[in-house]
N, C-alpha and C. Protein backbone atom coordinates (compact mmCIF):
# COMPACT_ATOMS: atom_id res chain seq x y z
N MET A 1 74.56 -50.15 35.73
CA MET A 1 74.13 -51.20 36.63
C MET A 1 75.31 -52.05 37.05
N GLU A 2 75.16 -52.72 38.15
CA GLU A 2 76.21 -53.59 38.64
C GLU A 2 76.38 -54.79 37.72
N ASP A 3 77.56 -55.43 37.79
CA ASP A 3 77.83 -56.60 36.95
C ASP A 3 77.02 -57.82 37.36
N GLU A 4 76.78 -58.00 38.64
CA GLU A 4 76.11 -59.20 39.11
C GLU A 4 74.70 -58.90 39.58
N VAL A 5 73.81 -58.61 38.65
CA VAL A 5 72.40 -58.38 38.98
C VAL A 5 71.58 -59.51 38.38
N CYS A 6 70.36 -59.64 38.82
CA CYS A 6 69.50 -60.70 38.30
C CYS A 6 69.26 -60.52 36.80
N LYS A 7 68.82 -61.58 36.16
CA LYS A 7 68.64 -61.54 34.70
C LYS A 7 67.57 -60.53 34.28
N HIS A 8 66.57 -60.30 35.14
CA HIS A 8 65.51 -59.35 34.80
C HIS A 8 66.04 -57.92 34.77
N LEU A 9 66.84 -57.56 35.78
CA LEU A 9 67.44 -56.23 35.80
C LEU A 9 68.46 -56.07 34.68
N ALA A 10 69.24 -57.10 34.44
CA ALA A 10 70.26 -57.04 33.38
C ALA A 10 69.64 -56.88 31.99
N ALA A 11 68.40 -57.33 31.83
CA ALA A 11 67.73 -57.25 30.53
C ALA A 11 67.25 -55.84 30.19
N ILE A 12 67.20 -54.96 31.17
CA ILE A 12 66.71 -53.59 30.94
C ILE A 12 67.83 -52.78 30.27
N LYS A 13 67.58 -52.34 29.07
CA LYS A 13 68.57 -51.56 28.31
C LYS A 13 68.15 -50.10 28.17
N THR A 14 66.85 -49.85 28.02
CA THR A 14 66.31 -48.50 27.90
C THR A 14 65.23 -48.34 28.94
N LEU A 15 65.31 -47.29 29.75
CA LEU A 15 64.33 -47.08 30.81
C LEU A 15 63.07 -46.43 30.28
N LYS A 16 61.95 -46.89 30.79
CA LYS A 16 60.66 -46.26 30.53
C LYS A 16 60.34 -45.38 31.73
N HIS A 17 60.10 -44.10 31.51
CA HIS A 17 59.82 -43.18 32.60
C HIS A 17 58.33 -42.83 32.63
N ALA A 18 57.86 -42.39 33.78
CA ALA A 18 56.45 -42.03 33.96
C ALA A 18 56.06 -40.92 32.98
N LYS A 19 54.92 -41.08 32.36
CA LYS A 19 54.39 -40.04 31.48
C LYS A 19 53.70 -38.97 32.32
N ASP A 20 52.95 -39.42 33.32
CA ASP A 20 52.26 -38.53 34.25
C ASP A 20 52.59 -38.99 35.66
N TYR A 21 52.58 -38.07 36.59
CA TYR A 21 52.90 -38.42 37.96
C TYR A 21 51.63 -38.78 38.73
N VAL A 22 50.99 -39.88 38.29
CA VAL A 22 49.76 -40.37 38.93
C VAL A 22 49.75 -41.89 38.85
N CYS A 23 49.04 -42.52 39.78
CA CYS A 23 48.78 -43.95 39.67
C CYS A 23 47.56 -44.12 38.79
N GLU A 24 47.75 -44.75 37.65
CA GLU A 24 46.66 -44.89 36.68
C GLU A 24 45.45 -45.63 37.25
N GLU A 25 45.68 -46.63 38.12
CA GLU A 25 44.57 -47.38 38.71
C GLU A 25 43.90 -46.61 39.85
N CYS A 26 44.68 -45.91 40.66
CA CYS A 26 44.08 -45.12 41.74
C CYS A 26 43.19 -44.01 41.18
N ILE A 27 43.59 -43.43 40.06
CA ILE A 27 42.77 -42.39 39.42
C ILE A 27 41.39 -42.96 39.07
N LYS A 28 41.36 -44.18 38.56
CA LYS A 28 40.08 -44.81 38.16
C LYS A 28 39.15 -45.02 39.35
N THR A 29 39.72 -45.29 40.53
CA THR A 29 38.90 -45.60 41.71
C THR A 29 38.86 -44.45 42.71
N HIS A 30 39.41 -43.31 42.35
CA HIS A 30 39.46 -42.13 43.22
C HIS A 30 40.18 -42.43 44.53
N SER A 31 41.24 -43.24 44.45
CA SER A 31 42.05 -43.59 45.61
C SER A 31 43.28 -42.69 45.68
N THR A 32 44.03 -42.84 46.75
CA THR A 32 45.25 -42.07 46.92
C THR A 32 46.45 -43.00 46.89
N TRP A 33 47.63 -42.44 46.69
CA TRP A 33 48.84 -43.23 46.65
C TRP A 33 49.94 -42.51 47.41
N MET A 34 51.00 -43.27 47.75
CA MET A 34 52.15 -42.71 48.46
C MET A 34 53.28 -42.39 47.46
N HIS A 35 53.81 -43.44 46.82
CA HIS A 35 54.92 -43.29 45.88
C HIS A 35 54.57 -44.06 44.61
N LEU A 36 55.25 -43.71 43.53
CA LEU A 36 54.92 -44.31 42.24
C LEU A 36 56.09 -45.10 41.66
N ARG A 37 55.74 -46.14 40.92
CA ARG A 37 56.70 -47.00 40.24
C ARG A 37 56.25 -47.15 38.79
N THR A 38 57.21 -47.22 37.87
CA THR A 38 56.89 -47.37 36.45
C THR A 38 57.38 -48.73 35.97
N CYS A 39 56.47 -49.51 35.41
CA CYS A 39 56.77 -50.84 34.89
C CYS A 39 57.71 -50.71 33.70
N GLN A 40 58.76 -51.52 33.70
CA GLN A 40 59.74 -51.47 32.62
C GLN A 40 59.40 -52.39 31.46
N THR A 41 58.31 -53.13 31.57
CA THR A 41 57.84 -53.93 30.45
C THR A 41 56.85 -53.14 29.61
N CYS A 42 55.84 -52.53 30.26
CA CYS A 42 54.78 -51.86 29.51
C CYS A 42 54.69 -50.35 29.72
N GLY A 43 55.41 -49.82 30.72
CA GLY A 43 55.43 -48.37 30.93
C GLY A 43 54.32 -47.81 31.80
N VAL A 44 53.45 -48.64 32.34
CA VAL A 44 52.37 -48.16 33.20
C VAL A 44 52.96 -47.67 34.53
N THR A 45 52.43 -46.57 35.06
CA THR A 45 52.88 -46.04 36.34
C THR A 45 51.80 -46.30 37.38
N LEU A 46 52.21 -46.96 38.48
CA LEU A 46 51.27 -47.39 39.51
C LEU A 46 51.87 -47.15 40.89
N CYS A 47 51.03 -47.28 41.92
CA CYS A 47 51.46 -46.99 43.29
C CYS A 47 52.25 -48.14 43.92
N CYS A 48 53.10 -47.76 44.88
CA CYS A 48 54.01 -48.71 45.54
C CYS A 48 53.32 -49.48 46.67
N ASP A 49 54.08 -50.35 47.32
CA ASP A 49 53.55 -51.17 48.40
C ASP A 49 53.26 -50.38 49.67
N SER A 50 53.74 -49.16 49.79
CA SER A 50 53.39 -48.30 50.93
C SER A 50 52.02 -47.66 50.73
N SER A 51 51.49 -47.75 49.54
CA SER A 51 50.18 -47.20 49.21
C SER A 51 49.09 -48.20 49.57
N PRO A 52 47.88 -47.71 49.85
CA PRO A 52 46.79 -48.62 50.25
C PRO A 52 46.49 -49.74 49.25
N ASN A 53 46.58 -49.46 47.95
CA ASN A 53 46.17 -50.45 46.94
C ASN A 53 47.30 -51.28 46.35
N GLN A 54 48.52 -50.87 46.54
CA GLN A 54 49.70 -51.61 46.08
C GLN A 54 49.57 -52.07 44.62
N HIS A 55 49.17 -51.16 43.75
CA HIS A 55 48.92 -51.51 42.36
C HIS A 55 50.15 -51.99 41.60
N ALA A 56 51.33 -51.44 41.88
CA ALA A 56 52.52 -51.84 41.12
C ALA A 56 52.86 -53.30 41.34
N SER A 57 52.86 -53.76 42.59
CA SER A 57 53.20 -55.16 42.84
C SER A 57 52.10 -56.10 42.35
N LYS A 58 50.85 -55.65 42.42
CA LYS A 58 49.75 -56.47 41.88
C LYS A 58 49.90 -56.61 40.37
N HIS A 59 50.26 -55.52 39.71
CA HIS A 59 50.48 -55.54 38.26
C HIS A 59 51.62 -56.50 37.90
N ALA A 60 52.71 -56.42 38.66
CA ALA A 60 53.86 -57.30 38.40
C ALA A 60 53.45 -58.77 38.52
N ALA A 61 52.69 -59.10 39.55
CA ALA A 61 52.26 -60.48 39.76
C ALA A 61 51.27 -60.96 38.70
N GLU A 62 50.29 -60.13 38.38
CA GLU A 62 49.25 -60.52 37.42
C GLU A 62 49.74 -60.52 35.97
N ALA A 63 50.53 -59.52 35.60
CA ALA A 63 50.98 -59.39 34.22
C ALA A 63 52.30 -60.12 33.96
N GLY A 64 53.00 -60.49 35.03
CA GLY A 64 54.30 -61.14 34.85
C GLY A 64 55.39 -60.17 34.42
N HIS A 65 55.23 -58.91 34.77
CA HIS A 65 56.22 -57.88 34.44
C HIS A 65 57.10 -57.66 35.66
N PRO A 66 58.34 -58.12 35.65
CA PRO A 66 59.14 -58.19 36.87
C PRO A 66 59.81 -56.92 37.36
N VAL A 67 60.08 -55.94 36.50
CA VAL A 67 60.94 -54.82 36.90
C VAL A 67 60.20 -53.49 36.83
N VAL A 68 60.41 -52.68 37.89
CA VAL A 68 59.91 -51.30 37.92
C VAL A 68 61.07 -50.38 38.24
N ILE A 69 60.88 -49.10 37.90
CA ILE A 69 61.79 -48.07 38.40
C ILE A 69 60.97 -47.14 39.28
N SER A 70 61.66 -46.46 40.17
CA SER A 70 60.99 -45.45 40.97
C SER A 70 60.62 -44.29 40.06
N ALA A 71 59.40 -43.80 40.21
CA ALA A 71 58.98 -42.62 39.46
C ALA A 71 59.12 -41.37 40.31
N GLU A 72 59.72 -41.53 41.49
CA GLU A 72 59.90 -40.40 42.41
C GLU A 72 61.05 -39.52 41.95
N PRO A 73 60.86 -38.20 41.97
CA PRO A 73 61.93 -37.28 41.59
C PRO A 73 63.18 -37.51 42.44
N GLY A 74 64.32 -37.57 41.79
CA GLY A 74 65.59 -37.74 42.48
C GLY A 74 65.97 -39.17 42.81
N GLU A 75 65.05 -40.12 42.66
CA GLU A 75 65.37 -41.53 42.92
C GLU A 75 65.75 -42.19 41.61
N ARG A 76 66.84 -42.97 41.63
CA ARG A 76 67.37 -43.59 40.42
C ARG A 76 67.68 -45.05 40.69
N TRP A 77 66.62 -45.86 40.81
CA TRP A 77 66.81 -47.29 41.06
C TRP A 77 65.74 -48.12 40.37
N LEU A 78 66.10 -49.38 40.15
CA LEU A 78 65.18 -50.38 39.59
C LEU A 78 64.96 -51.45 40.65
N TRP A 79 63.80 -52.10 40.60
CA TRP A 79 63.47 -53.18 41.53
C TRP A 79 62.93 -54.35 40.74
N CYS A 80 63.43 -55.54 41.03
CA CYS A 80 62.91 -56.77 40.44
C CYS A 80 62.04 -57.47 41.47
N TYR A 81 60.76 -57.62 41.18
CA TYR A 81 59.83 -58.29 42.10
C TYR A 81 60.14 -59.78 42.20
N VAL A 82 60.55 -60.40 41.12
CA VAL A 82 60.81 -61.84 41.10
C VAL A 82 61.97 -62.20 42.02
N ASP A 83 63.10 -61.52 41.85
CA ASP A 83 64.31 -61.85 42.60
C ASP A 83 64.50 -60.97 43.84
N GLU A 84 63.57 -60.02 44.04
CA GLU A 84 63.66 -59.08 45.17
C GLU A 84 65.05 -58.45 45.23
N GLU A 85 65.43 -57.86 44.09
CA GLU A 85 66.76 -57.27 43.96
C GLU A 85 66.64 -55.84 43.42
N MET A 86 67.51 -54.98 43.90
CA MET A 86 67.51 -53.58 43.49
C MET A 86 68.84 -53.26 42.80
N ALA A 87 68.78 -52.32 41.87
CA ALA A 87 69.99 -51.81 41.22
C ALA A 87 69.80 -50.32 41.00
N GLU A 88 70.86 -49.58 41.15
CA GLU A 88 70.83 -48.15 40.86
C GLU A 88 71.21 -47.92 39.40
N TYR A 89 70.76 -46.81 38.87
CA TYR A 89 71.17 -46.44 37.50
C TYR A 89 71.60 -45.01 37.46
């Protein structure tokens, strides 16, 4: 990670990766998703803001979990919802 990143991104030492390539909330409601993000606080994998339900950002706001990584194959970045900052890994 870069030297000058927000405190939330800097706090991530070990990445949590998606266990399954599905949005756990969309599965419950039989909805669809576009892209997936994995919460770095609790490890839940949810859909991105391009998806109809935007579960990942809702989870971040409700649970207070600020950082996600992309669960998309080949993408290697983290996003902090609080500071709206991205870092590659």
